[in-house]
Amino acid sequence: MSTVLEVAAIRTVLAGQRLHDGVGFKVNKGEVVALIGGSGTGKTVLLRECIGLLRPESGQVRLLGESVWDLPPDGLDALRRRFGVLFQEGALFSSLSVAENVDAPLREHTRLSQALRDEVVDLKIRLAGLPPEAAGKRPAELSGGMKKRAALARALALEPEMLFLDEPTSGLDPISARAFDNLLRTLCDSLGLTALLTTHDLDTLWGMVDRVVVLHGGRVIADGPVAEVARIDHEWIRSYFTAHVAARGTADGNGSGNGIRG
């Protein structure tokens, strides 16, 4: 199985605080991998380091065969056209319609005619599960779930080989969150995408990821299938999974969930 992303010996210091102290893991082609950890463990920071937005103190990130932090600016720009990003708040342009947001990377990075771009935009909007009438709406007119889908449509615009998603279900109600999880998993499987996401949502972990990487104390303390990681005898991992089970048990009184893998 080919490696799409390799993070090696990453050390990060921000505002005098050491967030990462030798973090390393791999993501293989076709995998959906979740990065979890407590608040302040630097999950989003690490994601930004992987995509060339924030430089670590030391270490290496290899993405799609390229050493991210050894690339010249034009090389990094070329690499960024090969992956899509969904930021936590969507980062949609508020003054543009959904269609115009999805068209933005096409307009900037391709030489397609307007007619062809319109066709691609329509396809991506439909792939993201949005109704046709959403294309003409601006972000302020969309629900939280629709904003996430619009941002996903834009992330898919350039036919990426990999997706990076920061807390993709944050701010969504449970039904919308599970629907987004199902959409993302279906797209990854059908389009052959690889994905790395940060999350606090354990239903996302149980329902749609292949592996989970756990950050704690500046290092990776666990890396494997969710069911295996959940059995690890570590204080933070125990509390994380136990708290989730307790919350689920009081949420609906029957302990049932959506899209849970046994």
C-alpha atoms as a PDB file:
ATOM      1  CA  MET A   1       0.000   0.000   0.000  1.00  0.00           C
ATOM      2  CA  SER A   2       1.512   3.339  -1.048  1.00  0.00           C
ATOM      3  CA  THR A   3       2.045   6.129   1.470  1.00  0.00           C
ATOM      4  CA  VAL A   4       0.361   9.428   0.599  1.00  0.00           C
ATOM      5  CA  LEU A   5       1.335  11.388   3.727  1.00  0.00           C
ATOM      6  CA  GLU A   6       4.304  10.835   6.020  1.00  0.00           C
ATOM      7  CA  VAL A   7       4.851  13.007   9.085  1.00  0.00           C
ATOM      8  CA  ALA A   8       8.263  12.427  10.675  1.00  0.00           C
ATOM      9  CA  ALA A   9       9.821  13.762  13.895  1.00  0.00           C
ATOM     10  CA  ILE A  10       7.773  16.971  13.907  1.00  0.00           C
ATOM     11  CA  ARG A  11       8.653  19.416  16.664  1.00  0.00           C
ATOM     12  CA  THR A  12       6.591  22.573  17.088  1.00  0.00           C
ATOM     13  CA  VAL A  13       6.934  25.498  19.494  1.00  0.00           C
ATOM     14  CA  LEU A  14       4.280  28.230  19.553  1.00  0.00           C
ATOM     15  CA  ALA A  15       4.277  31.173  21.965  1.00  0.00           C
ATOM     16  CA  GLY A  16       7.002  29.476  23.971  1.00  0.00           C
ATOM     17  CA  GLN A  17       4.987  26.272  24.359  1.00  0.00           C
ATOM     18  CA  ARG A  18       6.157  22.983  22.876  1.00  0.00           C
ATOM     19  CA  LEU A  19       3.143  21.407  21.162  1.00  0.00           C
ATOM     20  CA  HIS A  20       4.832  18.570  19.305  1.00  0.00           C
ATOM     21  CA  ASP A  21       7.947  16.720  20.378  1.00  0.00           C
ATOM     22  CA  GLY A  22       8.766  14.177  17.699  1.00  0.00           C
ATOM     23  CA  VAL A  23       5.329  13.482  16.202  1.00  0.00           C
ATOM     24  CA  GLY A  24       5.240  10.944  13.402  1.00  0.00           C
ATOM     25  CA  PHE A  25       2.671   8.857  11.524  1.00  0.00           C
ATOM     26  CA  LYS A  26       1.719   7.787   8.008  1.00  0.00           C
ATOM     27  CA  VAL A  27      -1.474   7.861   5.954  1.00  0.00           C
ATOM     28  CA  ASN A  28      -1.758   5.323   3.156  1.00  0.00           C
ATOM     29  CA  LYS A  29      -3.602   5.681  -0.121  1.00  0.00           C
ATOM     30  CA  GLY A  30      -7.358   5.313   0.290  1.00  0.00           C
ATOM     31  CA  GLU A  31      -7.338   5.564   4.087  1.00  0.00           C
ATOM     32  CA  VAL A  32      -9.502   7.870   6.168  1.00  0.00           C
ATOM     33  CA  VAL A  33      -7.471   8.698   9.276  1.00  0.00           C
ATOM     34  CA  ALA A  34      -8.575  10.765  12.262  1.00  0.00           C
ATOM     35  CA  LEU A  35      -6.249  12.809  14.454  1.00  0.00           C
ATOM     36  CA  ILE A  36      -7.527  13.186  18.023  1.00  0.00           C
ATOM     37  CA  GLY A  37      -6.258  14.611  21.296  1.00  0.00           C
ATOM     38  CA  GLY A  38      -7.224  16.955  24.085  1.00  0.00           C
ATOM     39  CA  SER A  39      -7.595  20.685  23.644  1.00  0.00           C
ATOM     40  CA  GLY A  40      -4.216  22.324  23.173  1.00  0.00           C
ATOM     41  CA  THR A  41      -2.467  19.256  21.772  1.00  0.00           C
ATOM     42  CA  GLY A  42      -1.944  20.962  18.424  1.00  0.00           C
ATOM     43  CA  LYS A  43      -4.173  18.942  16.100  1.00  0.00           C
ATOM     44  CA  THR A  44      -5.092  21.896  13.900  1.00  0.00           C
ATOM     45  CA  VAL A  45      -1.519  23.188  14.021  1.00  0.00           C
ATOM     46  CA  LEU A  46      -0.272  19.811  12.791  1.00  0.00           C
ATOM     47  CA  LEU A  47      -2.841  19.817   9.999  1.00  0.00           C
ATOM     48  CA  ARG A  48      -1.624  23.258   8.906  1.00  0.00           C
ATOM     49  CA  GLU A  49       1.959  22.019   8.952  1.00  0.00           C
ATOM     50  CA  CYS A  50       0.979  19.154   6.672  1.00  0.00           C
ATOM     51  CA  ILE A  51      -0.451  21.510   4.048  1.00  0.00           C
ATOM     52  CA  GLY A  52       2.330  24.080   4.143  1.00  0.00           C
ATOM     53  CA  LEU A  53       0.595  26.863   6.064  1.00  0.00           C
ATOM     54  CA  LEU A  54       2.683  26.681   9.231  1.00  0.00           C
ATOM     55  CA  ARG A  55       6.321  25.631   9.425  1.00  0.00           C
ATOM     56  CA  PRO A  56       7.389  23.318  12.278  1.00  0.00           C
ATOM     57  CA  GLU A  57      10.573  23.915  14.244  1.00  0.00           C
ATOM     58  CA  SER A  58      11.992  20.684  12.835  1.00  0.00           C
ATOM     59  CA  GLY A  59      10.950  17.430  11.212  1.00  0.00           C
ATOM     60  CA  GLN A  60       9.619  16.539   7.804  1.00  0.00           C
ATOM     61  CA  VAL A  61       6.276  16.257   6.046  1.00  0.00           C
ATOM     62  CA  ARG A  62       6.149  14.276   2.807  1.00  0.00           C
ATOM     63  CA  LEU A  63       2.879  14.669   0.921  1.00  0.00           C
ATOM     64  CA  LEU A  64       2.097  13.020  -2.414  1.00  0.00           C
ATOM     65  CA  GLY A  65       5.783  12.265  -2.897  1.00  0.00           C
ATOM     66  CA  GLU A  66       6.966  15.808  -2.137  1.00  0.00           C
ATOM     67  CA  SER A  67       8.831  17.151   0.881  1.00  0.00           C
ATOM     68  CA  VAL A  68       6.478  20.003   1.768  1.00  0.00           C
ATOM     69  CA  TRP A  69       8.984  22.243   3.527  1.00  0.00           C
ATOM     70  CA  ASP A  70      11.736  21.775   0.923  1.00  0.00           C
ATOM     71  CA  LEU A  71       9.587  23.022  -1.964  1.00  0.00           C
ATOM     72  CA  PRO A  72      10.009  26.467  -3.511  1.00  0.00           C
ATOM     73  CA  PRO A  73       6.875  28.674  -3.496  1.00  0.00           C
ATOM     74  CA  ASP A  74       5.791  27.649  -7.006  1.00  0.00           C
ATOM     75  CA  GLY A  75       6.299  23.985  -6.128  1.00  0.00           C
ATOM     76  CA  LEU A  76       4.179  24.364  -2.997  1.00  0.00           C
ATOM     77  CA  ASP A  77       1.465  26.084  -5.038  1.00  0.00           C
ATOM     78  CA  ALA A  78       1.494  23.173  -7.493  1.00  0.00           C
ATOM     79  CA  LEU A  79       1.246  20.673  -4.616  1.00  0.00           C
ATOM     80  CA  ARG A  80      -1.713  22.535  -3.102  1.00  0.00           C
ATOM     81  CA  ARG A  81      -3.657  21.997  -6.307  1.00  0.00           C
ATOM     82  CA  ARG A  82      -3.452  18.257  -5.635  1.00  0.00           C
ATOM     83  CA  PHE A  83      -5.264  18.294  -2.284  1.00  0.00           C
ATOM     84  CA  GLY A  84      -8.405  19.868  -0.866  1.00  0.00           C
ATOM     85  CA  VAL A  85      -8.929  21.492   2.523  1.00  0.00           C
ATOM     86  CA  LEU A  86     -12.047  21.968   4.615  1.00  0.00           C
ATOM     87  CA  PHE A  87     -11.346  24.408   7.436  1.00  0.00           C
ATOM     88  CA  GLN A  88     -13.351  24.247  10.671  1.00  0.00           C
ATOM     89  CA  GLU A  89     -15.519  27.276   9.904  1.00  0.00           C
ATOM     90  CA  GLY A  90     -15.755  26.482   6.195  1.00  0.00           C
ATOM     91  CA  ALA A  91     -13.824  29.653   5.219  1.00  0.00           C
ATOM     92  CA  LEU A  92     -16.296  30.432   2.449  1.00  0.00           C
ATOM     93  CA  PHE A  93     -16.169  33.863   0.825  1.00  0.00           C
ATOM     94  CA  SER A  94     -19.169  35.608   2.351  1.00  0.00           C
ATOM     95  CA  SER A  95     -19.695  37.947  -0.608  1.00  0.00           C
ATOM     96  CA  LEU A  96     -19.832  35.100  -3.146  1.00  0.00           C
ATOM     97  CA  SER A  97     -22.578  32.602  -3.881  1.00  0.00           C
ATOM     98  CA  VAL A  98     -22.005  28.890  -3.321  1.00  0.00           C
ATOM     99  CA  ALA A  99     -21.402  28.420  -7.046  1.00  0.00           C
ATOM    100  CA  GLU A 100     -18.916  31.288  -7.112  1.00  0.00           C
ATOM    101  CA  ASN A 101     -17.106  29.846  -4.071  1.00  0.00           C
ATOM    102  CA  VAL A 102     -16.766  26.462  -5.757  1.00  0.00           C
ATOM    103  CA  ASP A 103     -15.679  28.158  -8.987  1.00  0.00           C
ATOM    104  CA  ALA A 104     -12.943  30.208  -7.264  1.00  0.00           C
ATOM    105  CA  PRO A 105     -10.181  27.536  -7.358  1.00  0.00           C
ATOM    106  CA  LEU A 106     -11.148  26.597 -10.910  1.00  0.00           C
ATOM    107  CA  ARG A 107     -10.939  30.210 -12.018  1.00  0.00           C
ATOM    108  CA  GLU A 108      -7.582  30.676 -10.286  1.00  0.00           C
ATOM    109  CA  HIS A 109      -5.836  27.430 -11.193  1.00  0.00           C
ATOM    110  CA  THR A 110      -7.275  26.240 -14.522  1.00  0.00           C
ATOM    111  CA  ARG A 111      -7.770  27.550 -18.038  1.00  0.00           C
ATOM    112  CA  LEU A 112     -11.204  26.007 -18.458  1.00  0.00           C
ATOM    113  CA  SER A 113     -13.836  28.060 -20.228  1.00  0.00           C
ATOM    114  CA  GLN A 114     -16.662  29.526 -18.162  1.00  0.00           C
ATOM    115  CA  ALA A 115     -19.065  26.979 -19.663  1.00  0.00           C
ATOM    116  CA  LEU A 116     -16.879  24.042 -18.632  1.00  0.00           C
ATOM    117  CA  ARG A 117     -16.301  25.532 -15.200  1.00  0.00           C
ATOM    118  CA  ASP A 118     -20.051  25.895 -14.751  1.00  0.00           C
ATOM    119  CA  GLU A 119     -20.449  22.185 -15.502  1.00  0.00           C
ATOM    120  CA  VAL A 120     -17.761  21.247 -12.991  1.00  0.00           C
ATOM    121  CA  VAL A 121     -19.291  23.518 -10.342  1.00  0.00           C
ATOM    122  CA  ASP A 122     -22.707  21.942 -10.857  1.00  0.00           C
ATOM    123  CA  LEU A 123     -21.203  18.450 -10.521  1.00  0.00           C
ATOM    124  CA  LYS A 124     -19.307  19.274  -7.315  1.00  0.00           C
ATOM    125  CA  ILE A 125     -22.353  20.882  -5.741  1.00  0.00           C
ATOM    126  CA  ARG A 126     -24.382  17.756  -6.483  1.00  0.00           C
ATOM    127  CA  LEU A 127     -21.573  15.491  -5.221  1.00  0.00           C
ATOM    128  CA  ALA A 128     -21.642  17.391  -1.930  1.00  0.00           C
ATOM    129  CA  GLY A 129     -25.339  16.631  -1.560  1.00  0.00           C
ATOM    130  CA  LEU A 130     -26.597  20.183  -1.976  1.00  0.00           C
ATOM    131  CA  PRO A 131     -29.870  20.962  -3.784  1.00  0.00           C
ATOM    132  CA  PRO A 132     -29.538  22.902  -7.081  1.00  0.00           C
ATOM    133  CA  GLU A 133     -31.097  26.027  -5.569  1.00  0.00           C
ATOM    134  CA  ALA A 134     -28.220  26.275  -3.075  1.00  0.00           C
ATOM    135  CA  ALA A 135     -25.842  27.282  -5.890  1.00  0.00           C
ATOM    136  CA  GLY A 136     -27.145  30.853  -5.979  1.00  0.00           C
ATOM    137  CA  LYS A 137     -27.224  31.386  -2.226  1.00  0.00           C
ATOM    138  CA  ARG A 138     -24.591  33.121  -0.144  1.00  0.00           C
ATOM    139  CA  PRO A 139     -23.080  31.500   2.969  1.00  0.00           C
ATOM    140  CA  ALA A 140     -25.209  33.614   5.332  1.00  0.00           C
ATOM    141  CA  GLU A 141     -28.328  32.045   3.816  1.00  0.00           C
ATOM    142  CA  LEU A 142     -27.181  28.478   4.480  1.00  0.00           C
ATOM    143  CA  SER A 143     -27.632  26.211   7.487  1.00  0.00           C
ATOM    144  CA  GLY A 144     -24.526  24.901   9.258  1.00  0.00           C
ATOM    145  CA  GLY A 145     -24.741  21.576   7.457  1.00  0.00           C
ATOM    146  CA  MET A 146     -25.152  23.233   4.065  1.00  0.00           C
ATOM    147  CA  LYS A 147     -22.124  25.451   4.711  1.00  0.00           C
ATOM    148  CA  LYS A 148     -20.038  22.361   5.422  1.00  0.00           C
ATOM    149  CA  ARG A 149     -21.241  20.769   2.193  1.00  0.00           C
ATOM    150  CA  ALA A 150     -20.524  23.933   0.220  1.00  0.00           C
ATOM    151  CA  ALA A 151     -16.993  24.013   1.643  1.00  0.00           C
ATOM    152  CA  LEU A 152     -16.594  20.336   0.752  1.00  0.00           C
ATOM    153  CA  ALA A 153     -17.758  21.028  -2.808  1.00  0.00           C
ATOM    154  CA  ARG A 154     -15.079  23.712  -3.088  1.00  0.00           C
ATOM    155  CA  ALA A 155     -12.448  21.352  -1.637  1.00  0.00           C
ATOM    156  CA  LEU A 156     -13.356  18.842  -4.370  1.00  0.00           C
ATOM    157  CA  ALA A 157     -13.229  21.385  -7.203  1.00  0.00           C
ATOM    158  CA  LEU A 158      -9.750  20.537  -8.492  1.00  0.00           C
ATOM    159  CA  GLU A 159     -10.137  16.737  -8.340  1.00  0.00           C
ATOM    160  CA  PRO A 160      -7.875  16.354  -5.280  1.00  0.00           C
ATOM    161  CA  GLU A 161      -5.952  13.215  -4.430  1.00  0.00           C
ATOM    162  CA  MET A 162      -6.268  13.895  -0.701  1.00  0.00           C
ATOM    163  CA  LEU A 163      -8.537  15.819   1.649  1.00  0.00           C
ATOM    164  CA  PHE A 164      -7.617  17.568   4.906  1.00  0.00           C
ATOM    165  CA  LEU A 165     -10.563  18.370   7.181  1.00  0.00           C
ATOM    166  CA  ASP A 166     -10.438  20.297  10.453  1.00  0.00           C
ATOM    167  CA  GLU A 167     -13.310  19.352  12.789  1.00  0.00           C
ATOM    168  CA  PRO A 168     -15.699  18.692   9.876  1.00  0.00           C
ATOM    169  CA  THR A 169     -18.744  18.020  12.086  1.00  0.00           C
ATOM    170  CA  SER A 170     -18.214  20.782  14.657  1.00  0.00           C
ATOM    171  CA  GLY A 171     -21.288  22.925  15.159  1.00  0.00           C
ATOM    172  CA  LEU A 172     -23.625  20.399  13.555  1.00  0.00           C
ATOM    173  CA  ASP A 173     -26.539  18.645  15.237  1.00  0.00           C
ATOM    174  CA  PRO A 174     -26.132  14.850  15.535  1.00  0.00           C
ATOM    175  CA  ILE A 175     -28.305  14.041  12.513  1.00  0.00           C
ATOM    176  CA  SER A 176     -26.486  16.509  10.260  1.00  0.00           C
ATOM    177  CA  ALA A 177     -23.127  15.323  11.586  1.00  0.00           C
ATOM    178  CA  ARG A 178     -23.835  11.681  10.802  1.00  0.00           C
ATOM    179  CA  ALA A 179     -25.153  12.607   7.360  1.00  0.00           C
ATOM    180  CA  PHE A 180     -21.932  14.516   6.677  1.00  0.00           C
ATOM    181  CA  ASP A 181     -19.846  11.564   7.888  1.00  0.00           C
ATOM    182  CA  ASN A 182     -21.723   9.218   5.560  1.00  0.00           C
ATOM    183  CA  LEU A 183     -21.280  11.620   2.643  1.00  0.00           C
ATOM    184  CA  LEU A 184     -17.549  11.977   3.270  1.00  0.00           C
ATOM    185  CA  ARG A 185     -16.997   8.231   3.557  1.00  0.00           C
ATOM    186  CA  THR A 186     -18.999   7.571   0.393  1.00  0.00           C
ATOM    187  CA  LEU A 187     -17.031  10.193  -1.550  1.00  0.00           C
ATOM    188  CA  CYS A 188     -13.685   8.871  -0.332  1.00  0.00           C
ATOM    189  CA  ASP A 189     -14.604   5.313  -1.296  1.00  0.00           C
ATOM    190  CA  SER A 190     -16.146   6.153  -4.661  1.00  0.00           C
ATOM    191  CA  LEU A 191     -13.518   8.708  -5.738  1.00  0.00           C
ATOM    192  CA  GLY A 192     -10.513   6.884  -4.281  1.00  0.00           C
ATOM    193  CA  LEU A 193      -9.650   9.763  -1.949  1.00  0.00           C
ATOM    194  CA  THR A 194      -7.325   9.695   1.020  1.00  0.00           C
ATOM    195  CA  ALA A 195      -8.330  11.829   4.021  1.00  0.00           C
ATOM    196  CA  LEU A 196      -6.859  13.140   7.255  1.00  0.00           C
ATOM    197  CA  LEU A 197      -9.246  14.839   9.670  1.00  0.00           C
ATOM    198  CA  THR A 198      -9.149  16.269  13.162  1.00  0.00           C
ATOM    199  CA  THR A 199     -12.179  15.638  15.326  1.00  0.00           C
ATOM    200  CA  HIS A 200     -13.617  15.537  18.830  1.00  0.00           C
ATOM    201  CA  ASP A 201     -16.613  13.552  17.578  1.00  0.00           C
ATOM    202  CA  LEU A 202     -16.310   9.915  18.601  1.00  0.00           C
ATOM    203  CA  ASP A 203     -19.336   8.943  16.533  1.00  0.00           C
ATOM    204  CA  THR A 204     -17.253  10.034  13.552  1.00  0.00           C
ATOM    205  CA  LEU A 205     -14.444   7.745  14.701  1.00  0.00           C
ATOM    206  CA  TRP A 206     -16.634   4.697  15.177  1.00  0.00           C
ATOM    207  CA  GLY A 207     -18.683   5.341  12.088  1.00  0.00           C
ATOM    208  CA  MET A 208     -16.367   6.178   9.218  1.00  0.00           C
ATOM    209  CA  VAL A 209     -12.603   6.241   9.867  1.00  0.00           C
ATOM    210  CA  ASP A 210     -10.094   3.474   9.208  1.00  0.00           C
ATOM    211  CA  ARG A 211      -7.505   4.517  11.774  1.00  0.00           C
ATOM    212  CA  VAL A 212      -7.109   6.949  14.637  1.00  0.00           C
ATOM    213  CA  VAL A 213      -3.887   8.701  15.669  1.00  0.00           C
ATOM    214  CA  VAL A 214      -3.855   9.973  19.272  1.00  0.00           C
ATOM    215  CA  LEU A 215      -1.793  13.010  20.318  1.00  0.00           C
ATOM    216  CA  HIS A 216      -0.934  13.474  23.973  1.00  0.00           C
ATOM    217  CA  GLY A 217       1.970  15.188  25.697  1.00  0.00           C
ATOM    218  CA  GLY A 218       3.462  16.277  22.392  1.00  0.00           C
ATOM    219  CA  ARG A 219       3.721  12.752  21.004  1.00  0.00           C
ATOM    220  CA  VAL A 220       1.686  10.062  19.271  1.00  0.00           C
ATOM    221  CA  ILE A 221       0.614   7.673  22.023  1.00  0.00           C
ATOM    222  CA  ALA A 222      -1.600   5.418  19.898  1.00  0.00           C
ATOM    223  CA  ASP A 223      -2.140   4.657  16.223  1.00  0.00           C
ATOM    224  CA  GLY A 224      -4.505   1.991  14.933  1.00  0.00           C
ATOM    225  CA  PRO A 225      -8.126   0.958  14.314  1.00  0.00           C
ATOM    226  CA  VAL A 226     -10.600   2.630  16.667  1.00  0.00           C
ATOM    227  CA  ALA A 227     -11.605  -0.604  18.392  1.00  0.00           C
ATOM    228  CA  GLU A 228      -7.966  -1.394  19.209  1.00  0.00           C
ATOM    229  CA  VAL A 229      -7.116   2.117  20.392  1.00  0.00           C
ATOM    230  CA  ALA A 230     -10.233   2.190  22.596  1.00  0.00           C
ATOM    231  CA  ARG A 231      -8.861  -0.804  24.541  1.00  0.00           C
ATOM    232  CA  ILE A 232      -5.491   0.778  25.326  1.00  0.00           C
ATOM    233  CA  ASP A 233      -4.883   1.223  29.046  1.00  0.00           C
ATOM    234  CA  HIS A 234      -3.930   4.892  29.084  1.00  0.00           C
ATOM    235  CA  GLU A 235      -5.567   7.458  31.352  1.00  0.00           C
ATOM    236  CA  TRP A 236      -6.476   9.981  28.656  1.00  0.00           C
ATOM    237  CA  ILE A 237      -7.691   7.339  26.193  1.00  0.00           C
ATOM    238  CA  ARG A 238      -9.819   5.663  28.888  1.00  0.00           C
ATOM    239  CA  SER A 239     -11.397   8.955  29.924  1.00  0.00           C
ATOM    240  CA  TYR A 240     -12.019   9.976  26.306  1.00  0.00           C
ATOM    241  CA  PHE A 241     -13.852   6.824  25.339  1.00  0.00           C
ATOM    242  CA  THR A 242     -15.600   6.390  28.697  1.00  0.00           C
ATOM    243  CA  ALA A 243     -16.969   9.932  28.661  1.00  0.00           C
ATOM    244  CA  HIS A 244     -18.326   9.370  25.184  1.00  0.00           C
ATOM    245  CA  VAL A 245     -20.078   6.134  26.141  1.00  0.00           C
ATOM    246  CA  ALA A 246     -21.671   7.862  29.152  1.00  0.00           C
ATOM    247  CA  ALA A 247     -22.842  10.765  26.997  1.00  0.00           C
ATOM    248  CA  ARG A 248     -24.333   8.413  24.445  1.00  0.00           C
ATOM    249  CA  GLY A 249     -26.159   6.466  27.106  1.00  0.00           C
ATOM    250  CA  THR A 250     -27.886   9.587  28.429  1.00  0.00           C
ATOM    251  CA  ALA A 251     -28.589  11.091  25.010  1.00  0.00           C
ATOM    252  CA  ASP A 252     -31.337   8.725  23.946  1.00  0.00           C
ATOM    253  CA  GLY A 253     -31.681   6.204  26.740  1.00  0.00           C
ATOM    254  CA  ASN A 254     -30.986   3.166  24.610  1.00  0.00           C
ATOM    255  CA  GLY A 255     -27.298   3.473  23.730  1.00  0.00           C
ATOM    256  CA  SER A 256     -27.997   3.163  20.029  1.00  0.00           C
ATOM    257  CA  GLY A 257     -26.084   5.150  17.439  1.00  0.00           C
ATOM    258  CA  ASN A 258     -25.923   5.895  13.754  1.00  0.00           C
ATOM    259  CA  GLY A 259     -23.426   4.220  11.478  1.00  0.00           C
ATOM    260  CA  ILE A 260     -21.547   2.449  14.233  1.00  0.00           C
ATOM    261  CA  ARG A 261     -19.129  -0.272  13.264  1.00  0.00           C
ATOM    262  CA  GLY A 262     -18.893  -3.208  15.629  1.00  0.00           C
END
